[in-house]
Amino acid sequence: MKNLIKAGRIYERIDENFDSGSPLVSGQGNVVDVTSVTVEEKKDIIGKESCFVRYPSSIYFILGNEFCERYSYYGMKAILVLYFTEILLLNRATATSLYHTFTLLCYLMPIFGAMIADGWWGKYKTIFILSWVYLAGSCTMSLTALPPQTTGSPYLWGPAIALLLIAIGTGGIKPCVSAFGGDQFRKDQVQEIQVFFSIFYFAINCGSLLSTFITPILREDVQCFGNDCYSLAFGIPAVLLFIAILLFIVGRYTVGYKEYPSHGNIVWRVCKAIGRAIKNKIIYGKERKFEHWLDYASDKYDARLIEDTKCMLHVLIMYIPLPLFWALFDQQGSTWTLQATQMNGQLGDSQVTVKPDQMQVLNPFLILLLIPIFDNIIYPLLRYCNFRCTHLQRMSCGMLFACLAFVCSGVIQIYVNEGVRIPPTSSQSGVTVINAAPCGIGLQQTHGSLDSLYVPYKKATGMMVLHETVPANTVSVFWQIPQYVLITTGEVMFSITGLEFSYAQAPASMKSCLQACWLLTVCFGNLIVVLVAGAQFFSNQATQFFFFAGLMLVVFFIFVVMSFWYKYATPSHYDDIHDDDDRLKLGDHIEEDTADALSLTDTEGKKED
């Protein structure tokens, strides 16, 4: 680490000397007068330095921060729906609604985080303050898994406050961390920035991969207070988040960060311009006529902003069908995990058992596997065969894969339902006995033997009706692998390609706005699930899976038709709108927007990531 820090400081001195025109001492001890050095010679001198010299030492602290923070987020989220059903004793529909409400908030808050960072606090202060809010929520979440919460009398206000704080924290820092990492480089370090974001994306998926594998083990294999140890499973992510904050602080006081002052928020300016145009059109629409309705804002906003907003709206039309993909994708952590609880997790005849919430580890694992396959094999092969696969065509294929994934989950649910007991109706009562012993057990009652695990009482006859013993789950949880492969393939073709499409089609000044709108598609996708699960339209989970698959198929055809009529914009198109000098005056937002756009594959995504 000392060598990395030393190399970073050498690099920073080189950069400062070039900017100031002072004599430069190269790595070999030679003195160079930079006042007469050209840009190409400058790149050549720096290129001769070691690899570590070219990379600012501050980025290693940012990468460590991102890995720990993503471990914390995905580790907590992996077991969240089971916490709702097993500790808070919520039914499956309510648990699904709450899970997606939390996810909705996590993707709504980045808009406000970006506005705060750009308009007031700056990136470092935003990350620093909201990280402590995030940590407060994580610690509160761990405390809500302690008695009396686990004694059968749970309360909801504690977890609700904790999840709200986590959503504010993780959502608020989401658009800032990646861009802050990009700020540490010079603008001419294009290759180094690309490498940084590749490693940044790798850190996100490594954190997700490890946490979704380890956290369920801590939850189930460790017992505390007579129950699964949710307090420990939530506590470890809180510890990792604290380490993330420490790394972030240490980076500032050891090697230092490049920090830029806030420059005003373009998202807010665009919103105000659109509002102004709508208002003026309503008031003066009959008196004055313009070619485009946005031109009604020309009395207050310059032509450049209005033209760029028009170009952005041209892209946003294609965003309308996108939320449904996220409605399907984000159910990996809710309905698919609940489906896995009804399946057999035993690996063959071995004693190894896969936990229901561990199946989610397939997504980050397959992401790391499929991205190089698509980039190095599938897409080049299509180009070799002269098959022109546009951005929108790839996204359409991603939707189709998501549809097929839910068809698979629906078929599996049909077989799962055959081994699941039918719950008692409102006129019945039921008794469920779970045999956790390694052998059979006998049950006795005062009026004879009882050989049934499910005993409803029918008030109409006043008789105890015995049913056959409910068999153990026979459908293997590994039958979920195909649906995870399909949904992850869809993610690669839809999410990553969608980000490329948005970045390529947007004017330079509108890239951050499109990022905000992209996050809103994830937000609205989770809102769809909240509405469907909250309304409880379907009593059969298989029917709900097929409903989403059918809805996705309809949206797929709508998107294909929209894609057919979409006219792609080229860089020269935007050059016709603004000349190069004008584009430079838009502000130094391009590097930050590049950072934001490249980092959004957390889809969250995340995906982000």
Foldseek 3Di string as FASTA:
>chain_A
DVVLLVLLVLLVVLVVCLVVQHWHQAPVRDTDRNVPPDPVNSCVRQVPDDPSNQAHSLLVLLLLLLLLLLLLVLLCLLCQLVCCCQQVVDDQLVSLLVSLLLVLLLLQLLVVLQQCQQPPDNLLRSLLVLLVLLLVLLLLQLVQSDPPSRVPDHDDPSNVSSSNSNSNSNSNNQLRSLLQSLQQHDPVPVVVNVVSLVSSQVSSLVSNLVSLQVLVCQQAVDDDPNHGNVSVSSVVSSVSSVVSSVSSVVSCVRNRGDTDHRDHDLLVVLVVLVVQLVVQCVVCVVPDDDPDSSCSSVVPDPPVSSVLSVLLVLVCVLLVLLLLLLLLLVCCSRPQLVLLVLAFQDDPPDPDGDHSSSVVSLQSVVLVVVLCCCVPPVVVVCVVVVNDQALLNLLLLLLLLSLVLLLLVLVLLVVSVVLDDDDDDPQKDWAADDDPDPDDDWDDDPVGTAQERIWIQHPVVRDIDGDHHRDGHDHHSCSSVSSSNSNSSSLSSNVLSVLVLLVQSHQLLCLVVVLSVVSSSSSVSSVVSSVCSVVCPDPRVSVVSNVSSVVSVVSSVVSVVVVVPRDGDHPVNVCVVPPPVVSVVSDPCNSSSVSSSSQQCLCVCNDVD
